[in-house]
Amino acid sequence: MQPILEIQGLTKRYADGPIALDAVDLTINQGEIFALLGPNGAGKTTLIGAVCGLVRPSGGTIRAFGVDLAKDWRSARARIGLVPQEMATDMFTKVSDAVNYSRGLFGLKRDPARIEEILTSLTLWDKRDSQIRHLSGGMKRRVLIAKALAHDPQLLFLDEPTAGVDVELRRDMWRQIGAMRAKGTTIVLTTHYIEEAEEMADRVGVIDKGRLLLVEEKRALMARMGSIEAEFALAVPLREVPAALVDYPLVLSDDGASLTYRGHGGAVDARGEVARLTEALVRSNIAFTALDTRQSSLEDIFVDLVEQKA
């Protein structure tokens, strides 16, 4: 894939605080959805701000569309969109006026048909003449997305785009994000809802204390660091793990009523081992009344990784 954003050695130091970004290297490929995960204060918003011209880096280089942003930020910035965490618009402005104004900021001519298309796709067309202050929190968040899309960016940053909205609105907004990606927009997002990253992202990056801990293709990451836990409820309690099963990573409960398997590494391999373990139980005449399995999520991997690096 062709890189659309190349970050090398990006550093941000504040005189009265810790290092916000510590020599970050990151490449974003054209057409992908990249999820940047990290706890509060990890550096996610600072990184996005540096690319979008809102934060002045202390060091490093940022190239977007092959252009060094330190030398020619105007040409690249016109192709970048940002949906910030905080509402940054005049609350007394009408929805349509706010979106039209955002388009004009980039020197583009008025295009009523395009604005109607954007507002309709975000279920905002019926609210086009409403002042933003009269909208619900979820609708205000949609206005932010509409403003970011007004100049048809090729690279879109979404900083906590679904924070503070209800489940229905969140799902609707993610459908819109999927539609943007289908049209070729490259999307970089931060989110506290890690299940969203698990569903939508192609690759995942984990940042903490300004340092990029990991960047990996999502499926490969979950296969490499994922795990499966399987609990067998035994029909007859055991005193110890049978000799025929000692090669499996099993834990017998204190009351002997259940056996728990914990497998790490590739999820497919772990599921296969659970199947082999089940067959071994049957061969050993160990009856069980229930089997409960749980596969680790991206959130489990993220929490473990951050705790290990703490």
Protein backbone atom coordinates (compact mmCIF):
# COMPACT_ATOMS: atom_id res chain seq x y z
CA MET A 1 0.00 0.00 0.00
CA GLN A 2 1.09 3.56 -0.70
CA PRO A 3 1.77 5.68 2.41
CA ILE A 4 -0.45 8.74 2.78
CA LEU A 5 1.13 9.93 6.04
CA GLU A 6 4.71 9.42 7.22
CA ILE A 7 5.77 10.50 10.72
CA GLN A 8 9.40 10.18 11.84
CA GLY A 9 10.84 11.02 15.24
CA LEU A 10 7.88 13.21 16.17
CA THR A 11 8.51 14.80 19.56
CA LYS A 12 6.60 17.34 21.63
CA ARG A 13 7.98 18.73 24.87
CA TYR A 14 6.19 21.24 27.05
CA ALA A 15 8.31 23.49 29.26
CA ASP A 16 6.17 22.87 32.34
CA GLY A 17 5.27 19.23 31.85
CA PRO A 18 6.36 15.77 30.68
CA ILE A 19 7.14 14.78 27.11
CA ALA A 20 3.81 14.52 25.27
CA LEU A 21 5.29 12.73 22.24
CA ASP A 22 8.55 10.80 22.44
CA ALA A 23 10.18 10.18 19.03
CA VAL A 24 7.09 8.66 17.42
CA ASP A 25 7.48 6.86 14.08
CA LEU A 26 4.26 6.00 12.24
CA THR A 27 3.19 5.36 8.66
CA ILE A 28 -0.47 5.42 7.58
CA ASN A 29 -1.40 3.67 4.35
CA GLN A 30 -3.80 5.03 1.79
CA GLY A 31 -7.36 3.77 2.16
CA GLU A 32 -6.99 2.13 5.57
CA ILE A 33 -8.72 2.68 8.89
CA PHE A 34 -6.08 3.05 11.59
CA ALA A 35 -7.07 3.03 15.26
CA LEU A 36 -4.80 4.78 17.75
CA LEU A 37 -5.48 3.49 21.25
CA GLY A 38 -4.16 4.69 24.58
CA PRO A 39 -5.23 5.84 28.05
CA ASN A 40 -6.07 9.47 28.82
CA GLY A 41 -3.01 11.68 28.45
CA ALA A 42 -1.16 9.12 26.33
CA GLY A 43 -0.48 11.57 23.48
CA LYS A 44 -3.24 10.66 21.00
CA THR A 45 -4.72 14.15 20.65
CA THR A 46 -1.27 15.76 20.63
CA LEU A 47 -0.22 13.56 17.71
CA ILE A 48 -3.35 14.41 15.75
CA GLY A 49 -2.92 18.10 16.57
CA ALA A 50 0.64 18.04 15.27
CA VAL A 51 -0.47 16.64 11.91
CA CYS A 52 -3.41 19.04 11.65
CA GLY A 53 -1.38 22.14 12.48
CA LEU A 54 -2.83 22.71 15.95
CA VAL A 55 0.33 21.71 17.84
CA ARG A 56 3.87 22.83 17.03
CA PRO A 57 6.23 19.83 17.29
CA SER A 58 9.52 20.09 19.16
CA GLY A 59 11.20 17.77 16.70
CA GLY A 60 10.73 15.22 13.94
CA THR A 61 9.14 15.35 10.50
CA ILE A 62 5.60 14.89 9.18
CA ARG A 63 4.97 14.17 5.51
CA ALA A 64 1.45 13.96 4.11
CA PHE A 65 0.79 13.13 0.46
CA GLY A 66 4.56 13.30 -0.03
CA VAL A 67 4.74 16.90 1.24
CA ASP A 68 6.80 18.00 4.24
CA LEU A 69 4.25 19.82 6.41
CA ALA A 70 6.95 22.04 7.92
CA LYS A 71 7.74 23.45 4.46
CA ASP A 72 4.43 23.41 2.59
CA TRP A 73 1.59 22.80 5.02
CA ARG A 74 -1.07 24.66 3.03
CA SER A 75 -1.26 22.25 0.08
CA ALA A 76 -1.39 19.17 2.31
CA ARG A 77 -3.67 20.66 4.96
CA ALA A 78 -6.38 21.26 2.36
CA ARG A 79 -6.60 17.49 1.90
CA ILE A 80 -6.89 16.71 5.64
CA GLY A 81 -10.06 16.75 7.75
CA LEU A 82 -10.41 16.74 11.54
CA VAL A 83 -13.31 15.87 13.83
CA PRO A 84 -12.09 17.16 17.23
CA GLN A 85 -13.20 16.00 20.66
CA GLU A 86 -14.56 19.39 21.64
CA MET A 87 -17.24 21.41 19.89
CA ALA A 88 -15.46 24.37 18.29
CA THR A 89 -18.14 26.35 16.45
CA ASP A 90 -20.58 29.18 17.02
CA MET A 91 -23.58 27.66 18.77
CA PHE A 92 -25.85 30.36 17.33
CA THR A 93 -24.90 29.45 13.75
CA LYS A 94 -27.27 27.44 11.58
CA VAL A 95 -26.12 23.95 10.68
CA SER A 96 -25.95 24.61 6.92
CA ASP A 97 -24.06 27.89 7.43
CA ALA A 98 -21.47 26.20 9.64
CA VAL A 99 -20.81 23.48 7.07
CA ASN A 100 -20.70 25.93 4.15
CA TYR A 101 -18.27 28.12 6.08
CA SER A 102 -15.94 25.16 6.67
CA ARG A 103 -15.88 24.48 2.94
CA GLY A 104 -15.08 28.12 2.22
CA LEU A 105 -12.15 28.09 4.64
CA PHE A 106 -10.31 25.87 2.15
CA GLY A 107 -11.01 28.17 -0.79
CA LEU A 108 -13.65 25.95 -2.37
CA LYS A 109 -16.65 27.31 -4.22
CA ARG A 110 -20.11 26.86 -2.80
CA ASP A 111 -21.63 23.53 -3.75
CA PRO A 112 -25.20 23.25 -2.44
CA ALA A 113 -25.65 19.77 -3.87
CA ARG A 114 -22.56 18.45 -2.10
CA ILE A 115 -23.56 20.07 1.20
CA GLU A 116 -27.03 18.54 0.90
CA GLU A 117 -25.44 15.14 0.25
CA ILE A 118 -23.26 15.40 3.36
CA LEU A 119 -26.06 16.60 5.62
CA THR A 120 -28.45 13.95 4.31
CA SER A 121 -25.92 11.17 4.86
CA LEU A 122 -25.56 12.27 8.49
CA THR A 123 -29.33 12.67 9.04
CA LEU A 124 -28.89 16.43 9.39
CA TRP A 125 -30.77 17.72 6.35
CA ASP A 126 -33.96 18.31 8.31
CA LYS A 127 -31.88 20.26 10.85
CA ARG A 128 -30.08 22.44 8.29
CA ASP A 129 -31.84 25.64 9.39
CA SER A 130 -31.57 24.91 13.12
CA GLN A 131 -29.07 26.70 15.32
CA ILE A 132 -26.45 24.30 16.59
CA ARG A 133 -27.26 25.15 20.21
CA HIS A 134 -30.70 23.58 19.81
CA LEU A 135 -29.34 20.19 18.73
CA SER A 136 -28.80 17.13 20.92
CA GLY A 137 -25.27 16.06 21.83
CA GLY A 138 -25.29 13.35 19.18
CA MET A 139 -26.48 15.74 16.48
CA LYS A 140 -23.81 18.27 17.44
CA ARG A 141 -21.23 15.52 17.00
CA ARG A 142 -22.64 14.87 13.52
CA VAL A 143 -22.23 18.56 12.70
CA LEU A 144 -18.53 18.24 13.53
CA ILE A 145 -18.25 15.36 11.07
CA ALA A 146 -20.18 17.31 8.41
CA LYS A 147 -17.82 20.28 8.82
CA ALA A 148 -14.80 17.99 8.49
CA LEU A 149 -16.20 16.45 5.31
CA ALA A 150 -17.20 19.76 3.71
CA HIS A 151 -13.95 20.09 1.74
CA ASP A 152 -13.84 16.38 0.80
CA PRO A 153 -10.62 15.44 2.64
CA GLN A 154 -8.60 12.43 1.58
CA LEU A 155 -7.23 11.90 5.09
CA LEU A 156 -9.70 12.20 7.98
CA PHE A 157 -8.82 12.30 11.68
CA LEU A 158 -11.54 11.36 14.16
CA ASP A 159 -10.63 12.19 17.76
CA GLU A 160 -13.10 10.32 19.98
CA PRO A 161 -15.91 10.80 17.40
CA THR A 162 -18.55 8.86 19.33
CA ALA A 163 -17.78 10.11 22.84
CA GLY A 164 -20.92 11.08 24.71
CA VAL A 165 -23.46 9.80 22.19
CA ASP A 166 -25.97 7.01 22.74
CA VAL A 167 -25.61 3.52 21.28
CA GLU A 168 -28.02 4.09 18.39
CA LEU A 169 -26.31 7.26 17.23
CA ARG A 170 -22.91 5.64 17.66
CA ARG A 171 -23.85 2.77 15.37
CA ASP A 172 -25.29 5.16 12.80
CA MET A 173 -22.12 7.24 12.82
CA TRP A 174 -19.96 4.16 12.34
CA ARG A 175 -22.03 3.21 9.32
CA GLN A 176 -21.21 6.63 7.90
CA ILE A 177 -17.52 6.12 8.63
CA GLY A 178 -17.67 2.80 6.80
CA ALA A 179 -19.22 4.58 3.82
CA MET A 180 -16.42 7.18 3.84
CA ARG A 181 -13.83 4.44 3.83
CA ALA A 182 -15.64 2.73 0.91
CA LYS A 183 -15.21 5.94 -1.09
CA GLY A 184 -11.47 5.86 -0.52
CA THR A 185 -11.05 8.14 2.49
CA THR A 186 -8.17 7.20 4.78
CA ILE A 187 -9.29 7.36 8.41
CA VAL A 188 -7.26 7.69 11.61
CA LEU A 189 -9.31 7.47 14.78
CA THR A 190 -8.95 7.47 18.52
CA THR A 191 -11.67 5.92 20.63
CA HIS A 192 -12.42 4.80 24.17
CA TYR A 193 -14.82 2.21 22.74
CA ILE A 194 -12.22 -0.38 21.84
CA GLU A 195 -14.85 -2.72 20.44
CA GLU A 196 -15.30 -0.15 17.66
CA ALA A 197 -11.62 -0.38 16.76
CA GLU A 198 -11.89 -4.16 16.88
CA GLU A 199 -14.76 -4.07 14.40
CA MET A 200 -13.61 -1.30 12.05
CA ALA A 201 -9.82 -0.94 12.05
CA ASP A 202 -7.36 -2.55 9.65
CA ARG A 203 -4.38 -1.77 11.87
CA VAL A 204 -3.98 -0.75 15.48
CA GLY A 205 -1.43 1.40 17.27
CA VAL A 206 -1.05 1.59 21.06
CA ILE A 207 0.46 4.73 22.58
CA ASP A 208 1.20 5.44 26.24
CA LYS A 209 3.11 8.28 27.91
CA GLY A 210 3.98 9.67 24.49
CA ARG A 211 5.63 6.50 23.23
CA LEU A 212 4.24 4.30 20.49
CA LEU A 213 4.33 0.83 22.00
CA LEU A 214 3.02 -1.17 19.09
CA VAL A 215 1.70 -0.91 15.53
CA GLU A 216 0.29 -4.07 13.98
CA GLU A 217 -2.36 -5.41 11.67
CA LYS A 218 -5.39 -6.04 13.87
CA ARG A 219 -5.98 -9.68 12.97
CA ALA A 220 -2.31 -10.56 13.32
CA LEU A 221 -2.17 -8.83 16.71
CA MET A 222 -5.18 -10.72 18.04
CA ALA A 223 -3.79 -13.99 16.72
CA ARG A 224 -0.36 -13.36 18.27
CA MET A 225 -1.39 -11.96 21.65
CA GLY A 226 -4.91 -13.32 22.02
CA SER A 227 -5.96 -16.11 24.31
CA ILE A 228 -8.84 -18.49 24.92
CA GLU A 229 -10.19 -19.60 28.28
CA ALA A 230 -12.33 -22.71 28.49
CA GLU A 231 -14.00 -23.90 31.70
CA PHE A 232 -15.31 -27.45 32.00
CA ALA A 233 -17.94 -28.03 34.71
CA LEU A 234 -17.26 -31.57 35.86
CA ALA A 235 -19.98 -34.10 36.55
CA VAL A 236 -17.89 -35.64 39.34
CA PRO A 237 -15.32 -33.54 41.28
CA LEU A 238 -11.63 -34.44 40.93
CA ARG A 239 -8.88 -34.38 43.53
CA GLU A 240 -6.14 -33.55 41.02
CA VAL A 241 -5.57 -33.09 37.31
CA PRO A 242 -5.41 -36.58 35.75
CA ALA A 243 -2.01 -37.72 34.49
CA ALA A 244 -3.38 -38.01 30.94
CA LEU A 245 -4.06 -34.24 30.94
CA VAL A 246 -0.92 -32.84 32.57
CA ASP A 247 0.45 -31.60 29.23
CA TYR A 248 -2.43 -29.13 28.95
CA PRO A 249 -2.38 -25.75 30.77
CA LEU A 250 -5.17 -26.69 33.17
CA VAL A 251 -6.18 -25.36 36.57
CA LEU A 252 -8.41 -27.39 38.88
CA SER A 253 -10.75 -25.35 41.05
CA ASP A 254 -10.38 -25.56 44.84
CA ASP A 255 -13.53 -27.65 45.13
CA GLY A 256 -12.49 -29.88 42.23
CA ALA A 257 -15.73 -29.15 40.39
CA SER A 258 -14.22 -27.48 37.32
CA LEU A 259 -11.18 -27.56 35.06
CA THR A 260 -10.07 -24.32 33.41
CA TYR A 261 -7.90 -24.21 30.30
CA ARG A 262 -5.99 -21.03 29.43
CA GLY A 263 -4.31 -21.01 26.04
CA HIS A 264 -2.24 -18.18 24.59
CA GLY A 265 -1.00 -17.30 21.14
CA GLY A 266 -2.93 -17.84 17.94
CA ALA A 267 -6.65 -18.03 18.52
CA VAL A 268 -7.10 -20.73 15.87
CA ASP A 269 -4.43 -22.92 17.50
CA ALA A 270 -6.00 -22.38 20.93
CA ARG A 271 -9.44 -23.38 19.70
CA GLY A 272 -7.92 -26.51 18.17
CA GLU A 273 -6.28 -27.36 21.49
CA VAL A 274 -9.61 -26.95 23.31
CA ALA A 275 -11.10 -29.45 20.86
CA ARG A 276 -8.24 -31.88 21.50
CA LEU A 277 -8.63 -31.39 25.25
CA THR A 278 -12.33 -32.19 24.99
CA GLU A 279 -11.51 -35.43 23.19
CA ALA A 280 -8.92 -36.27 25.87
CA LEU A 281 -11.50 -35.78 28.62
CA VAL A 282 -13.86 -38.15 26.87
CA ARG A 283 -11.11 -40.75 26.39
CA SER A 284 -10.27 -40.49 30.09
CA ASN A 285 -13.94 -41.02 31.02
CA ILE A 286 -14.12 -37.61 32.68
CA ALA A 287 -17.68 -36.41 32.20
CA PHE A 288 -18.55 -32.72 32.15
CA THR A 289 -21.93 -31.04 32.24
CA ALA A 290 -21.05 -27.68 30.65
CA LEU A 291 -18.31 -25.98 28.66
CA ASP A 292 -17.89 -22.21 28.72
CA THR A 293 -15.32 -20.59 26.41
CA ARG A 294 -14.14 -17.00 26.19
CA GLN A 295 -11.78 -15.52 23.60
CA SER A 296 -9.82 -12.40 24.52
CA SER A 297 -10.82 -9.15 22.88
CA LEU A 298 -8.68 -6.33 21.54
CA GLU A 299 -9.47 -4.51 24.79
CA ASP A 300 -7.96 -7.36 26.84
CA ILE A 301 -4.80 -7.20 24.74
CA PHE A 302 -4.63 -3.41 25.04
CA VAL A 303 -5.00 -3.45 28.83
CA ASP A 304 -2.39 -6.18 29.23
CA LEU A 305 0.06 -4.37 26.99
CA VAL A 306 -0.28 -1.02 28.78
CA GLU A 307 0.06 -2.69 32.21
CA GLN A 308 3.19 -4.53 31.10
CA LYS A 309 4.80 -1.28 29.96
CA ALA A 310 3.74 0.70 33.06
